Amino acid sequence: MERTTDTGKGAGGPGEQAVLLAAGIADLAVTTVGAAFTSVRGLLRRSDTAELAAEAEQDLIARGRLALDRYTTAPPAHLEVLARHVIAQRDGDRTGDDNRAGDRDRAGVSDRIGDGDRIGDRA
């Protein structure tokens, strides 16, 4: 097997590519595990390990709660949101229209009385 520095797709057949891919994954795993062991060794040397573990536990519980809320709580139905918006808007219009509705009723009464009375009212 000839050693090449070219990482293109044309280097070797599918078997060689599979070997190179497996070697890359193994190298990544060794590097990651080595960094993790170094971090764990540094954590074990600390004097506040118990407090650090308690904080980590609280963080994990909070993350779990957020994840469950994100995936288990369904958003409200679109039509329900629209219906609530229409009801709130209608209720808002009713409270604002109370004064205007009274004006319309008085205008309607004067319309029913007849044109003669309105002419007399103007004079």
N, C-alpha and C. Protein backbone atom coordinates (compact mmCIF):
# COMPACT_ATOMS: atom_id res chain seq x y z
N MET A 1 0.85 -1.16 0.00
CA MET A 1 0.00 0.00 0.00
C MET A 1 0.90 1.23 0.00
N GLU A 2 0.65 2.12 -0.93
CA GLU A 2 1.47 3.31 -1.10
C GLU A 2 0.94 4.44 -0.23
N ARG A 3 1.84 5.09 0.48
CA ARG A 3 1.45 6.18 1.37
C ARG A 3 1.31 7.45 0.54
N THR A 4 0.13 8.12 0.71
CA THR A 4 -0.10 9.38 0.00
C THR A 4 -0.50 10.45 0.99
N THR A 5 -0.21 11.68 0.64
CA THR A 5 -0.65 12.80 1.49
C THR A 5 -1.92 13.42 0.95
N ASP A 6 -2.40 12.94 -0.17
CA ASP A 6 -3.61 13.48 -0.78
C ASP A 6 -4.82 12.91 -0.04
N THR A 7 -5.71 13.76 0.41
CA THR A 7 -6.91 13.30 1.12
C THR A 7 -8.13 13.30 0.20
N GLY A 8 -7.91 13.44 -1.07
CA GLY A 8 -9.02 13.48 -2.01
C GLY A 8 -9.68 12.12 -2.16
N LYS A 9 -10.77 12.07 -2.89
CA LYS A 9 -11.52 10.83 -3.05
C LYS A 9 -10.84 9.84 -3.98
N GLY A 10 -9.94 10.32 -4.82
CA GLY A 10 -9.30 9.44 -5.78
C GLY A 10 -8.21 8.57 -5.19
N ALA A 11 -7.84 8.77 -3.94
CA ALA A 11 -6.73 8.02 -3.32
C ALA A 11 -7.20 6.65 -2.90
N GLY A 12 -6.79 5.64 -3.66
CA GLY A 12 -7.07 4.26 -3.28
C GLY A 12 -8.50 3.85 -3.57
N GLY A 13 -8.76 2.58 -3.30
CA GLY A 13 -10.09 2.05 -3.51
C GLY A 13 -10.95 2.18 -2.28
N PRO A 14 -12.12 1.58 -2.32
CA PRO A 14 -13.03 1.69 -1.17
C PRO A 14 -12.47 1.02 0.08
N GLY A 15 -11.68 0.00 -0.06
CA GLY A 15 -11.08 -0.67 1.10
C GLY A 15 -10.09 0.23 1.81
N GLU A 16 -9.28 0.92 1.02
CA GLU A 16 -8.29 1.82 1.62
C GLU A 16 -8.99 3.00 2.30
N GLN A 17 -10.04 3.49 1.69
CA GLN A 17 -10.79 4.60 2.29
C GLN A 17 -11.43 4.18 3.61
N ALA A 18 -11.93 2.93 3.67
CA ALA A 18 -12.53 2.44 4.91
C ALA A 18 -11.48 2.33 6.01
N VAL A 19 -10.27 1.87 5.66
CA VAL A 19 -9.19 1.76 6.64
C VAL A 19 -8.81 3.15 7.15
N LEU A 20 -8.67 4.11 6.22
CA LEU A 20 -8.31 5.47 6.62
C LEU A 20 -9.39 6.09 7.51
N LEU A 21 -10.65 5.85 7.18
CA LEU A 21 -11.76 6.36 7.98
C LEU A 21 -11.73 5.75 9.38
N ALA A 22 -11.52 4.46 9.48
CA ALA A 22 -11.45 3.79 10.79
C ALA A 22 -10.27 4.32 11.60
N ALA A 23 -9.14 4.55 10.95
CA ALA A 23 -7.96 5.08 11.65
C ALA A 23 -8.23 6.49 12.15
N GLY A 24 -8.92 7.30 11.35
CA GLY A 24 -9.26 8.66 11.77
C GLY A 24 -10.20 8.66 12.97
N ILE A 25 -11.18 7.77 12.95
CA ILE A 25 -12.13 7.68 14.08
C ILE A 25 -11.41 7.21 15.34
N ALA A 26 -10.51 6.23 15.19
CA ALA A 26 -9.76 5.73 16.36
C ALA A 26 -8.87 6.83 16.94
N ASP A 27 -8.22 7.61 16.08
CA ASP A 27 -7.37 8.70 16.55
C ASP A 27 -8.19 9.74 17.30
N LEU A 28 -9.35 10.08 16.76
CA LEU A 28 -10.24 11.03 17.42
C LEU A 28 -10.69 10.51 18.78
N ALA A 29 -11.04 9.23 18.86
CA ALA A 29 -11.48 8.64 20.12
C ALA A 29 -10.36 8.66 21.16
N VAL A 30 -9.15 8.32 20.75
CA VAL A 30 -8.01 8.31 21.69
C VAL A 30 -7.74 9.71 22.20
N THR A 31 -7.78 10.70 21.30
CA THR A 31 -7.54 12.08 21.71
C THR A 31 -8.61 12.56 22.67
N THR A 32 -9.87 12.24 22.38
CA THR A 32 -10.98 12.67 23.24
C THR A 32 -10.91 12.00 24.60
N VAL A 33 -10.65 10.70 24.62
CA VAL A 33 -10.55 9.98 25.89
C VAL A 33 -9.38 10.50 26.71
N GLY A 34 -8.24 10.77 26.05
CA GLY A 34 -7.08 11.32 26.77
C GLY A 34 -7.39 12.66 27.39
N ALA A 35 -8.09 13.54 26.67
CA ALA A 35 -8.47 14.85 27.21
C ALA A 35 -9.45 14.69 28.36
N ALA A 36 -10.36 13.73 28.25
CA ALA A 36 -11.33 13.50 29.33
C ALA A 36 -10.62 13.01 30.59
N PHE A 37 -9.68 12.08 30.44
CA PHE A 37 -8.93 11.60 31.62
C PHE A 37 -8.15 12.72 32.28
N THR A 38 -7.56 13.60 31.47
CA THR A 38 -6.82 14.73 32.03
C THR A 38 -7.76 15.63 32.82
N SER A 39 -8.93 15.88 32.29
CA SER A 39 -9.91 16.73 32.99
C SER A 39 -10.38 16.08 34.28
N VAL A 40 -10.66 14.78 34.24
CA VAL A 40 -11.12 14.06 35.44
C VAL A 40 -10.02 14.07 36.50
N ARG A 41 -8.77 13.85 36.09
CA ARG A 41 -7.67 13.87 37.04
C ARG A 41 -7.55 15.24 37.71
N GLY A 42 -7.72 16.30 36.92
CA GLY A 42 -7.67 17.66 37.48
C GLY A 42 -8.82 17.91 38.44
N LEU A 43 -10.00 17.38 38.13
CA LEU A 43 -11.16 17.57 39.01
C LEU A 43 -10.99 16.83 40.34
N LEU A 44 -10.40 15.64 40.28
CA LEU A 44 -10.23 14.86 41.51
C LEU A 44 -9.23 15.50 42.47
N ARG A 45 -8.33 16.32 41.96
CA ARG A 45 -7.35 16.98 42.80
C ARG A 45 -7.91 18.22 43.49
N ARG A 46 -9.07 18.66 43.09
CA ARG A 46 -9.64 19.87 43.68
C ARG A 46 -10.19 19.58 45.07
N SER A 47 -10.22 20.59 45.92
CA SER A 47 -10.72 20.40 47.28
C SER A 47 -12.24 20.59 47.36
N ASP A 48 -12.81 21.25 46.39
CA ASP A 48 -14.26 21.50 46.41
C ASP A 48 -15.01 20.56 45.49
N THR A 49 -14.58 19.31 45.43
CA THR A 49 -15.19 18.33 44.53
C THR A 49 -16.65 18.08 44.87
N ALA A 50 -17.00 18.05 46.16
CA ALA A 50 -18.38 17.78 46.57
C ALA A 50 -19.30 18.91 46.09
N GLU A 51 -18.86 20.16 46.26
CA GLU A 51 -19.68 21.28 45.80
C GLU A 51 -19.81 21.29 44.28
N LEU A 52 -18.72 20.94 43.62
CA LEU A 52 -18.73 20.89 42.16
C LEU A 52 -19.69 19.81 41.66
N ALA A 53 -19.69 18.66 42.34
CA ALA A 53 -20.61 17.58 41.96
C ALA A 53 -22.05 17.98 42.21
N ALA A 54 -22.32 18.70 43.31
CA ALA A 54 -23.68 19.15 43.61
C ALA A 54 -24.16 20.15 42.55
N GLU A 55 -23.27 21.06 42.14
CA GLU A 55 -23.64 22.02 41.10
C GLU A 55 -23.90 21.31 39.77
N ALA A 56 -23.07 20.31 39.47
CA ALA A 56 -23.25 19.55 38.23
C ALA A 56 -24.59 18.82 38.25
N GLU A 57 -24.95 18.27 39.41
CA GLU A 57 -26.23 17.58 39.53
C GLU A 57 -27.39 18.54 39.32
N GLN A 58 -27.30 19.72 39.92
CA GLN A 58 -28.36 20.72 39.74
C GLN A 58 -28.47 21.16 38.29
N ASP A 59 -27.33 21.33 37.63
CA ASP A 59 -27.34 21.70 36.21
C ASP A 59 -27.99 20.61 35.36
N LEU A 60 -27.66 19.35 35.66
CA LEU A 60 -28.25 18.26 34.89
C LEU A 60 -29.75 18.16 35.13
N ILE A 61 -30.20 18.38 36.35
CA ILE A 61 -31.63 18.36 36.65
C ILE A 61 -32.34 19.48 35.89
N ALA A 62 -31.74 20.67 35.89
CA ALA A 62 -32.34 21.79 35.16
C ALA A 62 -32.39 21.51 33.66
N ARG A 63 -31.32 20.94 33.13
CA ARG A 63 -31.31 20.59 31.70
C ARG A 63 -32.39 19.54 31.40
N GLY A 64 -32.52 18.57 32.27
CA GLY A 64 -33.54 17.54 32.06
C GLY A 64 -34.94 18.12 32.09
N ARG A 65 -35.18 19.03 33.02
CA ARG A 65 -36.49 19.68 33.11
C ARG A 65 -36.79 20.47 31.83
N LEU A 66 -35.79 21.21 31.36
CA LEU A 66 -35.98 21.99 30.13
C LEU A 66 -36.22 21.08 28.93
N ALA A 67 -35.48 19.98 28.86
CA ALA A 67 -35.65 19.05 27.74
C ALA A 67 -37.04 18.43 27.75
N LEU A 68 -37.50 18.03 28.93
CA LEU A 68 -38.84 17.45 29.01
C LEU A 68 -39.91 18.48 28.65
N ASP A 69 -39.75 19.70 29.13
CA ASP A 69 -40.71 20.75 28.79
C ASP A 69 -40.72 21.03 27.30
N ARG A 70 -39.55 20.99 26.69
CA ARG A 70 -39.45 21.28 25.27
C ARG A 70 -40.14 20.22 24.42
N TYR A 71 -40.01 18.96 24.82
CA TYR A 71 -40.52 17.88 23.98
C TYR A 71 -41.86 17.32 24.42
N THR A 72 -42.30 17.58 25.64
CA THR A 72 -43.58 17.01 26.08
C THR A 72 -44.72 18.00 26.05
N THR A 73 -44.44 19.28 26.18
CA THR A 73 -45.50 20.27 26.18
C THR A 73 -45.81 20.66 24.74
N ALA A 74 -47.01 20.34 24.33
CA ALA A 74 -47.41 20.69 22.97
C ALA A 74 -47.87 22.14 22.93
N PRO A 75 -47.52 22.84 21.89
CA PRO A 75 -47.99 24.23 21.79
C PRO A 75 -49.51 24.23 21.59
N PRO A 76 -50.17 25.32 21.97
CA PRO A 76 -51.62 25.35 21.79
C PRO A 76 -51.99 25.28 20.31
N ALA A 77 -53.16 24.75 20.05
CA ALA A 77 -53.62 24.61 18.68
C ALA A 77 -53.76 25.98 18.04
N HIS A 78 -53.44 26.06 16.76
CA HIS A 78 -53.46 27.33 16.04
C HIS A 78 -54.86 27.96 16.05
N LEU A 79 -55.87 27.15 15.81
CA LEU A 79 -57.23 27.69 15.77
C LEU A 79 -57.68 28.15 17.15
N GLU A 80 -57.21 27.49 18.19
CA GLU A 80 -57.56 27.91 19.54
C GLU A 80 -56.95 29.28 19.85
N VAL A 81 -55.71 29.48 19.41
CA VAL A 81 -55.07 30.78 19.61
C VAL A 81 -55.84 31.87 18.87
N LEU A 82 -56.24 31.59 17.63
CA LEU A 82 -57.01 32.57 16.87
C LEU A 82 -58.36 32.86 17.53
N ALA A 83 -59.03 31.82 18.02
CA ALA A 83 -60.32 32.01 18.67
C ALA A 83 -60.18 32.87 19.93
N ARG A 84 -59.14 32.62 20.71
CA ARG A 84 -58.93 33.44 21.92
C ARG A 84 -58.63 34.88 21.56
N HIS A 85 -57.90 35.08 20.49
CA HIS A 85 -57.60 36.44 20.04
C HIS A 85 -58.88 37.17 19.62
N VAL A 86 -59.74 36.47 18.89
CA VAL A 86 -60.99 37.08 18.44
C VAL A 86 -61.88 37.40 19.64
N ILE A 87 -61.96 36.50 20.61
CA ILE A 87 -62.79 36.74 21.79
C ILE A 87 -62.26 37.93 22.58
N ALA A 88 -60.94 38.00 22.76
CA ALA A 88 -60.35 39.13 23.48
C ALA A 88 -60.60 40.43 22.73
N GLN A 89 -60.51 40.39 21.43
CA GLN A 89 -60.74 41.60 20.62
C GLN A 89 -62.21 42.00 20.70
N ARG A 90 -63.11 41.03 20.68
CA ARG A 90 -64.54 41.32 20.75
C ARG A 90 -64.90 41.90 22.12
N ASP A 91 -64.31 41.34 23.18
CA ASP A 91 -64.56 41.88 24.52
C ASP A 91 -64.03 43.30 24.64
N GLY A 92 -62.88 43.56 24.04
CA GLY A 92 -62.32 44.91 24.06
C GLY A 92 -63.21 45.88 23.30
N ASP A 93 -63.78 45.43 22.18
CA ASP A 93 -64.68 46.29 21.40
C ASP A 93 -65.96 46.57 22.17
N ARG A 94 -66.46 45.60 22.92
CA ARG A 94 -67.70 45.80 23.68
C ARG A 94 -67.53 46.85 24.76
N THR A 95 -66.41 46.82 25.45
CA THR A 95 -66.21 47.81 26.51
C THR A 95 -66.00 49.19 25.92
N GLY A 96 -65.36 49.29 24.77
CA GLY A 96 -65.16 50.58 24.12
C GLY A 96 -66.41 51.07 23.42
N ASP A 97 -67.30 50.16 23.02
CA ASP A 97 -68.51 50.52 22.28
C ASP A 97 -69.67 50.88 23.18
N ASP A 98 -69.55 50.69 24.50
CA ASP A 98 -70.68 50.99 25.38
C ASP A 98 -71.13 52.43 25.23
N ASN A 99 -70.21 53.36 25.18
CA ASN A 99 -70.58 54.77 25.04
C ASN A 99 -71.11 55.04 23.64
N ARG A 100 -70.46 54.46 22.63
CA ARG A 100 -70.91 54.70 21.26
C ARG A 100 -72.25 54.03 20.99
N ALA A 101 -72.51 52.90 21.63
CA ALA A 101 -73.79 52.22 21.43
C ALA A 101 -74.93 53.08 21.95
N GLY A 102 -74.72 53.75 23.06
CA GLY A 102 -75.75 54.63 23.60
C GLY A 102 -76.02 55.79 22.65
N ASP A 103 -75.01 56.32 22.03
CA ASP A 103 -75.20 57.40 21.06
C ASP A 103 -76.00 56.92 19.87
N ARG A 104 -75.73 55.71 19.42
CA ARG A 104 -76.48 55.19 18.27
C ARG A 104 -77.94 54.97 18.65
N ASP A 105 -78.20 54.50 19.87
CA ASP A 105 -79.58 54.28 20.27
C ASP A 105 -80.33 55.60 20.30
N ARG A 106 -79.73 56.64 20.83
CA ARG A 106 -80.40 57.94 20.85
C ARG A 106 -80.62 58.45 19.45
N ALA A 107 -79.66 58.22 18.56
CA ALA A 107 -79.83 58.66 17.18
C ALA A 107 -80.94 57.87 16.52
N GLY A 108 -81.01 56.58 16.82
CA GLY A 108 -82.08 55.76 16.23
C GLY A 108 -83.45 56.21 16.72
N VAL A 109 -83.57 56.61 17.98
CA VAL A 109 -84.85 57.08 18.52
C VAL A 109 -85.27 58.35 17.80
N SER A 110 -84.34 59.28 17.60
CA SER A 110 -84.70 60.52 16.94
C SER A 110 -85.06 60.26 15.48
N ASP A 111 -84.47 59.25 14.86
CA ASP A 111 -84.82 58.91 13.49
C ASP A 111 -86.24 58.37 13.43
N ARG A 112 -86.63 57.63 14.45
CA ARG A 112 -87.96 57.04 14.44
C ARG A 112 -89.04 58.09 14.73
N ILE A 113 -88.65 59.14 15.40
CA ILE A 113 -89.65 60.16 15.74
C ILE A 113 -90.16 60.83 14.48
N GLY A 114 -89.28 61.05 13.54
CA GLY A 114 -89.74 61.64 12.28
C GLY A 114 -88.95 62.88 11.94
N ASP A 115 -89.00 63.26 10.67
CA ASP A 115 -88.25 64.43 10.20
C ASP A 115 -88.79 65.72 10.77
N GLY A 116 -90.06 65.78 11.02
CA GLY A 116 -90.66 67.01 11.53
C GLY A 116 -90.10 67.39 12.88
N ASP A 117 -89.89 66.40 13.71
CA ASP A 117 -89.36 66.71 15.05
C ASP A 117 -87.91 67.17 14.96
N ARG A 118 -87.13 66.58 14.03
CA ARG A 118 -85.75 66.99 13.93
C ARG A 118 -85.62 68.42 13.41
N ILE A 119 -86.50 68.79 12.51
CA ILE A 119 -86.46 70.15 12.00
C ILE A 119 -86.80 71.13 13.12
N GLY A 120 -87.76 70.76 13.95
CA GLY A 120 -88.13 71.58 15.07
C GLY A 120 -87.04 71.68 16.11
N ASP A 121 -86.28 70.58 16.28
CA ASP A 121 -85.18 70.60 17.23
C ASP A 121 -84.08 71.54 16.80
N ARG A 122 -83.89 71.67 15.50
CA ARG A 122 -82.80 72.50 15.00
C ARG A 122 -83.12 73.98 15.17
N ALA A 123 -84.36 74.31 15.10
CA ALA A 123 -84.75 75.72 15.13
C ALA A 123 -84.68 76.35 16.48
